[in-house]
Amino acid sequence: AVDADYVAQMPENLSFAQAAAVPLSGLTIMQILQM
């Protein structure tokens, strides 16, 4: 069970396996560069 505010639609070009590799790393680099 996850708050909807933390969820996004999967990228259309990725499989489930590829998509699972992204969230933590993607958010980390985005937040670093914003900082």
Full PDB file with SEQRES, HELIX, SHEET, SSBOND, CRYST1, ORIGX, SCALE, CONECT and MASTER records, all heavy atoms in Angstrom:
SEQRES   1 A   35  ALA VAL ASP ALA ASP TYR VAL ALA GLN MET PRO GLU ASN          
SEQRES   2 A   35  LEU SER PHE ALA GLN ALA ALA ALA VAL PRO LEU SER GLY          
SEQRES   3 A   35  LEU THR ILE MET GLN ILE LEU GLN MET                          
HELIX    1 AA1 ALA A    4  TYR A    6  5                                   3    
HELIX    2 AA2 PHE A   16  ALA A   20  1                                   5    
HELIX    3 AA3 PRO A   23  GLN A   34  1                                  12    
CRYST1    1.000    1.000    1.000  90.00  90.00  90.00 P 1           1          
ORIGX1      1.000000  0.000000  0.000000        0.00000                         
ORIGX2      0.000000  1.000000  0.000000        0.00000                         
ORIGX3      0.000000  0.000000  1.000000        0.00000                         
SCALE1      1.000000  0.000000  0.000000        0.00000                         
SCALE2      0.000000  1.000000  0.000000        0.00000                         
SCALE3      0.000000  0.000000  1.000000        0.00000                         
ATOM      1  N   ALA A   1       0.861  -1.183   0.000  1.00  0.00           N  
ATOM      2  CA  ALA A   1       0.000   0.000   0.000  1.00  0.00           C  
ATOM      3  C   ALA A   1       0.894   1.229   0.000  1.00  0.00           C  
ATOM      4  O   ALA A   1       1.763   1.373   0.865  1.00  0.00           O  
ATOM      5  CB  ALA A   1      -0.909   0.003   1.219  1.00  0.00           C  
ATOM      6  N   VAL A   2       0.708   2.116  -0.984  1.00  0.00           N  
ATOM      7  CA  VAL A   2       1.568   3.296  -1.137  1.00  0.00           C  
ATOM      8  C   VAL A   2       0.699   4.515  -1.370  1.00  0.00           C  
ATOM      9  O   VAL A   2      -0.274   4.468  -2.133  1.00  0.00           O  
ATOM     10  CB  VAL A   2       2.539   3.132  -2.325  1.00  0.00           C  
ATOM     11  CG1 VAL A   2       3.493   4.324  -2.390  1.00  0.00           C  
ATOM     12  CG2 VAL A   2       3.320   1.837  -2.236  1.00  0.00           C  
ATOM     13  N   ASP A   3       1.053   5.637  -0.724  1.00  0.00           N  
ATOM     14  CA  ASP A   3       0.365   6.894  -0.995  1.00  0.00           C  
ATOM     15  C   ASP A   3       0.480   7.223  -2.482  1.00  0.00           C  
ATOM     16  O   ASP A   3       1.576   7.146  -3.063  1.00  0.00           O  
ATOM     17  CB  ASP A   3       0.987   8.028  -0.187  1.00  0.00           C  
ATOM     18  CG  ASP A   3       0.676   7.925   1.301  1.00  0.00           C  
ATOM     19  OD1 ASP A   3       0.053   6.928   1.710  1.00  0.00           O  
ATOM     20  OD2 ASP A   3       1.068   8.847   2.042  1.00  0.00           O  
ATOM     21  N   ALA A   4      -0.607   7.600  -3.101  1.00  0.00           N  
ATOM     22  CA  ALA A   4      -0.612   7.879  -4.539  1.00  0.00           C  
ATOM     23  C   ALA A   4       0.358   8.994  -4.909  1.00  0.00           C  
ATOM     24  O   ALA A   4       0.872   9.026  -6.038  1.00  0.00           O  
ATOM     25  CB  ALA A   4      -2.025   8.229  -4.987  1.00  0.00           C  
ATOM     26  N   ASP A   5       0.638   9.907  -3.980  1.00  0.00           N  
ATOM     27  CA  ASP A   5       1.556  11.016  -4.253  1.00  0.00           C  
ATOM     28  C   ASP A   5       2.983  10.556  -4.514  1.00  0.00           C  
ATOM     29  O   ASP A   5       3.806  11.334  -5.018  1.00  0.00           O  
ATOM     30  CB  ASP A   5       1.567  12.006  -3.089  1.00  0.00           C  
ATOM     31  CG  ASP A   5       0.295  12.831  -3.006  1.00  0.00           C  
ATOM     32  OD1 ASP A   5      -0.458  12.857  -4.002  1.00  0.00           O  
ATOM     33  OD2 ASP A   5       0.055  13.449  -1.951  1.00  0.00           O  
ATOM     34  N   TYR A   6       3.307   9.299  -4.159  1.00  0.00           N  
ATOM     35  CA  TYR A   6       4.655   8.788  -4.351  1.00  0.00           C  
ATOM     36  C   TYR A   6       4.779   7.917  -5.602  1.00  0.00           C  
ATOM     37  O   TYR A   6       5.853   7.374  -5.874  1.00  0.00           O  
ATOM     38  CB  TYR A   6       5.083   7.957  -3.129  1.00  0.00           C  
ATOM     39  CG  TYR A   6       5.035   8.701  -1.821  1.00  0.00           C  
ATOM     40  CD1 TYR A   6       4.570   8.086  -0.665  1.00  0.00           C  
ATOM     41  CD2 TYR A   6       5.457  10.029  -1.732  1.00  0.00           C  
ATOM     42  CE1 TYR A   6       4.529   8.764   0.541  1.00  0.00           C  
ATOM     43  CE2 TYR A   6       5.415  10.717  -0.525  1.00  0.00           C  
ATOM     44  CZ  TYR A   6       4.943  10.070   0.614  1.00  0.00           C  
ATOM     45  OH  TYR A   6       4.904  10.751   1.806  1.00  0.00           O  
ATOM     46  N   VAL A   7       3.714   7.777  -6.362  1.00  0.00           N  
ATOM     47  CA  VAL A   7       3.655   6.806  -7.454  1.00  0.00           C  
ATOM     48  C   VAL A   7       3.603   7.530  -8.801  1.00  0.00           C  
ATOM     49  O   VAL A   7       3.064   8.629  -8.908  1.00  0.00           O  
ATOM     50  CB  VAL A   7       2.419   5.891  -7.295  1.00  0.00           C  
ATOM     51  CG1 VAL A   7       2.361   4.843  -8.402  1.00  0.00           C  
ATOM     52  CG2 VAL A   7       2.437   5.212  -5.920  1.00  0.00           C  
ATOM     53  N   ALA A   8       4.160   6.890  -9.830  1.00  0.00           N  
ATOM     54  CA  ALA A   8       4.073   7.415 -11.196  1.00  0.00           C  
ATOM     55  C   ALA A   8       3.799   6.268 -12.157  1.00  0.00           C  
ATOM     56  O   ALA A   8       4.106   5.104 -11.863  1.00  0.00           O  
ATOM     57  CB  ALA A   8       5.369   8.126 -11.591  1.00  0.00           C  
ATOM     58  N   GLN A   9       3.210   6.609 -13.299  1.00  0.00           N  
ATOM     59  CA  GLN A   9       3.021   5.623 -14.346  1.00  0.00           C  
ATOM     60  C   GLN A   9       4.395   5.147 -14.839  1.00  0.00           C  
ATOM     61  O   GLN A   9       5.323   5.933 -14.982  1.00  0.00           O  
ATOM     62  CB  GLN A   9       2.243   6.215 -15.522  1.00  0.00           C  
ATOM     63  CG  GLN A   9       0.864   6.767 -15.158  1.00  0.00           C  
ATOM     64  CD  GLN A   9      -0.178   5.677 -14.962  1.00  0.00           C  
ATOM     65  OE1 GLN A   9       0.059   4.504 -15.244  1.00  0.00           O  
ATOM     66  NE2 GLN A   9      -1.358   6.073 -14.485  1.00  0.00           N  
ATOM     67  N   MET A  10       4.524   3.859 -15.113  1.00  0.00           N  
ATOM     68  CA  MET A  10       5.768   3.317 -15.623  1.00  0.00           C  
ATOM     69  C   MET A  10       6.094   3.895 -16.990  1.00  0.00           C  
ATOM     70  O   MET A  10       5.200   4.121 -17.795  1.00  0.00           O  
ATOM     71  CB  MET A  10       5.663   1.794 -15.766  1.00  0.00           C  
ATOM     72  CG  MET A  10       6.369   1.006 -14.702  1.00  0.00           C  
ATOM     73  SD  MET A  10       6.080  -0.780 -14.877  1.00  0.00           S  
ATOM     74  CE  MET A  10       6.520  -1.087 -16.586  1.00  0.00           C  
ATOM     75  N   PRO A  11       7.366   4.148 -17.292  1.00  0.00           N  
ATOM     76  CA  PRO A  11       7.742   4.544 -18.650  1.00  0.00           C  
ATOM     77  C   PRO A  11       7.294   3.482 -19.659  1.00  0.00           C  
ATOM     78  O   PRO A  11       7.460   2.279 -19.424  1.00  0.00           O  
ATOM     79  CB  PRO A  11       9.270   4.625 -18.583  1.00  0.00           C  
ATOM     80  CG  PRO A  11       9.564   4.895 -17.140  1.00  0.00           C  
ATOM     81  CD  PRO A  11       8.522   4.139 -16.375  1.00  0.00           C  
ATOM     82  N   GLU A  12       6.744   3.929 -20.770  1.00  0.00           N  
ATOM     83  CA  GLU A  12       6.170   2.999 -21.728  1.00  0.00           C  
ATOM     84  C   GLU A  12       7.206   2.105 -22.385  1.00  0.00           C  
ATOM     85  O   GLU A  12       6.880   0.999 -22.837  1.00  0.00           O  
ATOM     86  CB  GLU A  12       5.398   3.773 -22.803  1.00  0.00           C  
ATOM     87  CG  GLU A  12       4.146   4.469 -22.262  1.00  0.00           C  
ATOM     88  CD  GLU A  12       3.350   5.158 -23.354  1.00  0.00           C  
ATOM     89  OE1 GLU A  12       3.808   5.141 -24.524  1.00  0.00           O  
ATOM     90  OE2 GLU A  12       2.267   5.705 -23.046  1.00  0.00           O  
ATOM     91  N   ASN A  13       8.459   2.548 -22.421  1.00  0.00           N  
ATOM     92  CA  ASN A  13       9.490   1.776 -23.108  1.00  0.00           C  
ATOM     93  C   ASN A  13      10.232   0.795 -22.207  1.00  0.00           C  
ATOM     94  O   ASN A  13      11.166   0.130 -22.655  1.00  0.00           O  
ATOM     95  CB  ASN A  13      10.512   2.709 -23.770  1.00  0.00           C  
ATOM     96  CG  ASN A  13      11.225   3.595 -22.761  1.00  0.00           C  
ATOM     97  OD1 ASN A  13      10.585   4.284 -21.964  1.00  0.00           O  
ATOM     98  ND2 ASN A  13      12.545   3.606 -22.797  1.00  0.00           N  
ATOM     99  N   LEU A  14       9.828   0.703 -20.933  1.00  0.00           N  
ATOM    100  CA  LEU A  14      10.537  -0.171 -20.006  1.00  0.00           C  
ATOM    101  C   LEU A  14       9.695  -1.372 -19.596  1.00  0.00           C  
ATOM    102  O   LEU A  14       8.475  -1.278 -19.467  1.00  0.00           O  
ATOM    103  CB  LEU A  14      10.949   0.591 -18.741  1.00  0.00           C  
ATOM    104  CG  LEU A  14      11.903   1.773 -18.901  1.00  0.00           C  
ATOM    105  CD1 LEU A  14      12.355   2.271 -17.533  1.00  0.00           C  
ATOM    106  CD2 LEU A  14      13.105   1.422 -19.764  1.00  0.00           C  
ATOM    107  N   SER A  15      10.375  -2.496 -19.349  1.00  0.00           N  
ATOM    108  CA  SER A  15       9.740  -3.675 -18.770  1.00  0.00           C  
ATOM    109  C   SER A  15       9.600  -3.470 -17.265  1.00  0.00           C  
ATOM    110  O   SER A  15      10.136  -2.508 -16.695  1.00  0.00           O  
ATOM    111  CB  SER A  15      10.602  -4.910 -19.041  1.00  0.00           C  
ATOM    112  OG  SER A  15      11.845  -4.804 -18.350  1.00  0.00           O  
ATOM    113  N   PHE A  16       8.902  -4.394 -16.595  1.00  0.00           N  
ATOM    114  CA  PHE A  16       8.799  -4.298 -15.137  1.00  0.00           C  
ATOM    115  C   PHE A  16      10.185  -4.339 -14.497  1.00  0.00           C  
ATOM    116  O   PHE A  16      10.470  -3.598 -13.551  1.00  0.00           O  
ATOM    117  CB  PHE A  16       7.940  -5.440 -14.578  1.00  0.00           C  
ATOM    118  CG  PHE A  16       6.466  -5.240 -14.765  1.00  0.00           C  
ATOM    119  CD1 PHE A  16       5.738  -6.103 -15.567  1.00  0.00           C  
ATOM    120  CD2 PHE A  16       5.798  -4.204 -14.146  1.00  0.00           C  
ATOM    121  CE1 PHE A  16       4.365  -5.935 -15.750  1.00  0.00           C  
ATOM    122  CE2 PHE A  16       4.426  -4.015 -14.311  1.00  0.00           C  
ATOM    123  CZ  PHE A  16       3.720  -4.889 -15.124  1.00  0.00           C  
ATOM    124  N   ALA A  17      11.055  -5.204 -15.000  1.00  0.00           N  
ATOM    125  CA  ALA A  17      12.400  -5.320 -14.436  1.00  0.00           C  
ATOM    126  C   ALA A  17      13.174  -4.017 -14.622  1.00  0.00           C  
ATOM    127  O   ALA A  17      13.799  -3.508 -13.677  1.00  0.00           O  
ATOM    128  CB  ALA A  17      13.144  -6.482 -15.086  1.00  0.00           C  
ATOM    129  N   GLN A  18      13.138  -3.466 -15.804  1.00  0.00           N  
ATOM    130  CA  GLN A  18      13.859  -2.217 -16.053  1.00  0.00           C  
ATOM    131  C   GLN A  18      13.294  -1.069 -15.224  1.00  0.00           C  
ATOM    132  O   GLN A  18      14.045  -0.255 -14.675  1.00  0.00           O  
ATOM    133  CB  GLN A  18      13.794  -1.879 -17.540  1.00  0.00           C  
ATOM    134  CG  GLN A  18      14.585  -2.828 -18.427  1.00  0.00           C  
ATOM    135  CD  GLN A  18      14.294  -2.593 -19.895  1.00  0.00           C  
ATOM    136  OE1 GLN A  18      13.154  -2.324 -20.292  1.00  0.00           O  
ATOM    137  NE2 GLN A  18      15.323  -2.697 -20.728  1.00  0.00           N  
ATOM    138  N   ALA A  19      11.979  -1.014 -15.104  1.00  0.00           N  
ATOM    139  CA  ALA A  19      11.357   0.078 -14.349  1.00  0.00           C  
ATOM    140  C   ALA A  19      11.714   0.013 -12.871  1.00  0.00           C  
ATOM    141  O   ALA A  19      11.900   1.049 -12.218  1.00  0.00           O  
ATOM    142  CB  ALA A  19       9.844   0.042 -14.528  1.00  0.00           C  
ATOM    143  N   ALA A  20      11.826  -1.184 -12.319  1.00  0.00           N  
ATOM    144  CA  ALA A  20      12.159  -1.328 -10.902  1.00  0.00           C  
ATOM    145  C   ALA A  20      13.569  -0.858 -10.591  1.00  0.00           C  
ATOM    146  O   ALA A  20      13.905  -0.599  -9.432  1.00  0.00           O  
ATOM    147  CB  ALA A  20      11.998  -2.793 -10.477  1.00  0.00           C  
ATOM    148  N   ALA A  21      14.409  -0.728 -11.618  1.00  0.00           N  
ATOM    149  CA  ALA A  21      15.780  -0.283 -11.432  1.00  0.00           C  
ATOM    150  C   ALA A  21      15.907   1.223 -11.312  1.00  0.00           C  
ATOM    151  O   ALA A  21      16.997   1.734 -11.039  1.00  0.00           O  
ATOM    152  CB  ALA A  21      16.639  -0.778 -12.602  1.00  0.00           C  
ATOM    153  N   VAL A  22      14.820   1.956 -11.489  1.00  0.00           N  
ATOM    154  CA  VAL A  22      14.907   3.401 -11.688  1.00  0.00           C  
ATOM    155  C   VAL A  22      14.566   4.271 -10.484  1.00  0.00           C  
ATOM    156  O   VAL A  22      15.275   5.256 -10.215  1.00  0.00           O  
ATOM    157  CB  VAL A  22      14.020   3.820 -12.883  1.00  0.00           C  
ATOM    158  CG1 VAL A  22      13.909   5.335 -12.996  1.00  0.00           C  
ATOM    159  CG2 VAL A  22      14.545   3.212 -14.172  1.00  0.00           C  
ATOM    160  N   PRO A  23      13.489   4.033  -9.717  1.00  0.00           N  
ATOM    161  CA  PRO A  23      12.966   5.076  -8.820  1.00  0.00           C  
ATOM    162  C   PRO A  23      13.959   5.678  -7.833  1.00  0.00           C  
ATOM    163  O   PRO A  23      14.104   6.905  -7.776  1.00  0.00           O  
ATOM    164  CB  PRO A  23      11.815   4.362  -8.091  1.00  0.00           C  
ATOM    165  CG  PRO A  23      11.356   3.333  -9.065  1.00  0.00           C  
ATOM    166  CD  PRO A  23      12.606   2.841  -9.736  1.00  0.00           C  
ATOM    167  N   LEU A  24      14.637   4.864  -7.041  1.00  0.00           N  
ATOM    168  CA  LEU A  24      15.525   5.418  -6.026  1.00  0.00           C  
ATOM    169  C   LEU A  24      16.679   6.182  -6.666  1.00  0.00           C  
ATOM    170  O   LEU A  24      16.998   7.300  -6.263  1.00  0.00           O  
ATOM    171  CB  LEU A  24      16.048   4.309  -5.114  1.00  0.00           C  
ATOM    172  CG  LEU A  24      16.822   4.768  -3.877  1.00  0.00           C  
ATOM    173  CD1 LEU A  24      16.579   3.815  -2.715  1.00  0.00           C  
ATOM    174  CD2 LEU A  24      18.317   4.848  -4.146  1.00  0.00           C  
ATOM    175  N   SER A  25      17.294   5.602  -7.685  1.00  0.00           N  
ATOM    176  CA  SER A  25      18.426   6.259  -8.339  1.00  0.00           C  
ATOM    177  C   SER A  25      17.983   7.513  -9.078  1.00  0.00           C  
ATOM    178  O   SER A  25      18.664   8.551  -9.034  1.00  0.00           O  
ATOM    179  CB  SER A  25      19.097   5.287  -9.319  1.00  0.00           C  
ATOM    180  OG  SER A  25      19.601   4.157  -8.650  1.00  0.00           O  
ATOM    181  N   GLY A  26      16.854   7.429  -9.769  1.00  0.00           N  
ATOM    182  CA  GLY A  26      16.356   8.582 -10.510  1.00  0.00           C  
ATOM    183  C   GLY A  26      16.036   9.748  -9.601  1.00  0.00           C  
ATOM    184  O   GLY A  26      16.381  10.905  -9.893  1.00  0.00           O  
ATOM    185  N   LEU A  27      15.368   9.475  -8.489  1.00  0.00           N  
ATOM    186  CA  LEU A  27      15.035  10.545  -7.546  1.00  0.00           C  
ATOM    187  C   LEU A  27      16.287  11.100  -6.880  1.00  0.00           C  
ATOM    188  O   LEU A  27      16.390  12.310  -6.629  1.00  0.00           O  
ATOM    189  CB  LEU A  27      14.060  10.027  -6.483  1.00  0.00           C  
ATOM    190  CG  LEU A  27      12.649   9.735  -6.970  1.00  0.00           C  
ATOM    191  CD1 LEU A  27      11.828   9.067  -5.866  1.00  0.00           C  
ATOM    192  CD2 LEU A  27      11.943  11.006  -7.444  1.00  0.00           C  
ATOM    193  N   THR A  28      17.249  10.240  -6.602  1.00  0.00           N  
ATOM    194  CA  THR A  28      18.478  10.697  -5.950  1.00  0.00           C  
ATOM    195  C   THR A  28      19.241  11.677  -6.822  1.00  0.00           C  
ATOM    196  O   THR A  28      19.625  12.765  -6.372  1.00  0.00           O  
ATOM    197  CB  THR A  28      19.377   9.496  -5.606  1.00  0.00           C  
ATOM    198  OG1 THR A  28      18.689   8.627  -4.695  1.00  0.00           O  
ATOM    199  CG2 THR A  28      20.671   9.966  -4.941  1.00  0.00           C  
ATOM    200  N   ILE A  29      19.486  11.324  -8.073  1.00  0.00           N  
ATOM    201  CA  ILE A  29      20.258  12.226  -8.930  1.00  0.00           C  
ATOM    202  C   ILE A  29      19.470  13.503  -9.211  1.00  0.00           C  
ATOM    203  O   ILE A  29      20.047  14.596  -9.272  1.00  0.00           O  
ATOM    204  CB  ILE A  29      20.692  11.529 -10.243  1.00  0.00           C  
ATOM    205  CG1 ILE A  29      21.633  12.435 -11.036  1.00  0.00           C  
ATOM    206  CG2 ILE A  29      19.501  11.120 -11.084  1.00  0.00           C  
ATOM    207  CD1 ILE A  29      22.918  12.790 -10.321  1.00  0.00           C  
ATOM    208  N   MET A  30      18.159  13.399  -9.342  1.00  0.00           N  
ATOM    209  CA  MET A  30      17.360  14.604  -9.579  1.00  0.00           C  
ATOM    210  C   MET A  30      17.444  15.549  -8.379  1.00  0.00           C  
ATOM    211  O   MET A  30      17.636  16.765  -8.531  1.00  0.00           O  
ATOM    212  CB  MET A  30      15.903  14.236  -9.858  1.00  0.00           C  
ATOM    213  CG  MET A  30      15.005  15.446 -10.052  1.00  0.00           C  
ATOM    214  SD  MET A  30      13.335  15.025 -10.573  1.00  0.00           S  
ATOM    215  CE  MET A  30      13.648  14.622 -12.291  1.00  0.00           C  
ATOM    216  N   GLN A  31      17.356  15.014  -7.166  1.00  0.00           N  
ATOM    217  CA  GLN A  31      17.401  15.852  -5.976  1.00  0.00           C  
ATOM    218  C   GLN A  31      18.788  16.428  -5.734  1.00  0.00           C  
ATOM    219  O   GLN A  31      18.934  17.558  -5.240  1.00  0.00           O  
ATOM    220  CB  GLN A  31      16.889  15.057  -4.769  1.00  0.00           C  
ATOM    221  CG  GLN A  31      15.396  14.795  -4.857  1.00  0.00           C  
ATOM    222  CD  GLN A  31      14.859  13.840  -3.807  1.00  0.00           C  
ATOM    223  OE1 GLN A  31      15.484  13.618  -2.766  1.00  0.00           O  
ATOM    224  NE2 GLN A  31      13.689  13.256  -4.063  1.00  0.00           N  
ATOM    225  N   ILE A  32      19.823  15.680  -6.115  1.00  0.00           N  
ATOM    226  CA  ILE A  32      21.180  16.223  -6.005  1.00  0.00           C  
ATOM    227  C   ILE A  32      21.359  17.411  -6.945  1.00  0.00           C  
ATOM    228  O   ILE A  32      21.861  18.472  -6.553  1.00  0.00           O  
ATOM    229  CB  ILE A  32      22.225  15.131  -6.320  1.00  0.00           C  
ATOM    230  CG1 ILE A  32      22.307  14.122  -5.170  1.00  0.00           C  
ATOM    231  CG2 ILE A  32      23.604  15.763  -6.553  1.00  0.00           C  
ATOM    232  CD1 ILE A  32      23.197  12.942  -5.458  1.00  0.00           C  
ATOM    233  N   LEU A  33      20.952  17.241  -8.188  1.00  0.00           N  
ATOM    234  CA  LEU A  33      21.150  18.312  -9.163  1.00  0.00           C  
ATOM    235  C   LEU A  33      20.287  19.525  -8.845  1.00  0.00           C  
ATOM    236  O   LEU A  33      20.695  20.669  -9.088  1.00  0.00           O  
ATOM    237  CB  LEU A  33      20.864  17.801 -10.573  1.00  0.00           C  
ATOM    238  CG  LEU A  33      21.796  16.694 -11.087  1.00  0.00           C  
ATOM    239  CD1 LEU A  33      21.531  16.409 -12.557  1.00  0.00           C  
ATOM    240  CD2 LEU A  33      23.268  17.034 -10.862  1.00  0.00           C  
ATOM    241  N   GLN A  34      19.108  19.309  -8.279  1.00  0.00           N  
ATOM    242  CA  GLN A  34      18.292  20.446  -7.854  1.00  0.00           C  
ATOM    243  C   GLN A  34      18.948  21.187  -6.689  1.00  0.00           C  
ATOM    244  O   GLN A  34      18.798  22.404  -6.551  1.00  0.00           O  
ATOM    245  CB  GLN A  34      16.890  19.974  -7.461  1.00  0.00           C  
ATOM    246  CG  GLN A  34      16.017  19.580  -8.643  1.00  0.00           C  
ATOM    247  CD  GLN A  34      14.600  19.239  -8.240  1.00  0.00           C  
ATOM    248  OE1 GLN A  34      14.305  19.028  -7.063  1.00  0.00           O  
ATOM    249  NE2 GLN A  34      13.705  19.166  -9.208  1.00  0.00           N  
ATOM    250  N   MET A  35      19.693  20.457  -5.868  1.00  0.00           N  
ATOM    251  CA  MET A  35      20.350  21.068  -4.717  1.00  0.00           C  
ATOM    252  C   MET A  35      21.577  21.882  -5.137  1.00  0.00           C  
ATOM    253  O   MET A  35      21.785  23.009  -4.667  1.00  0.00           O  
ATOM    254  CB  MET A  35      20.758  19.982  -3.720  1.00  0.00           C  
ATOM    255  CG  MET A  35      21.418  20.503  -2.469  1.00  0.00           C  
ATOM    256  SD  MET A  35      21.564  19.239  -1.188  1.00  0.00           S  
ATOM    257  CE  MET A  35      22.647  18.061  -1.989  1.00  0.00           C  
TER     258      MET A  35                                                      
MASTER        0    0    0    3    0    0    0    6  257    1    0    3          
END                                                                             
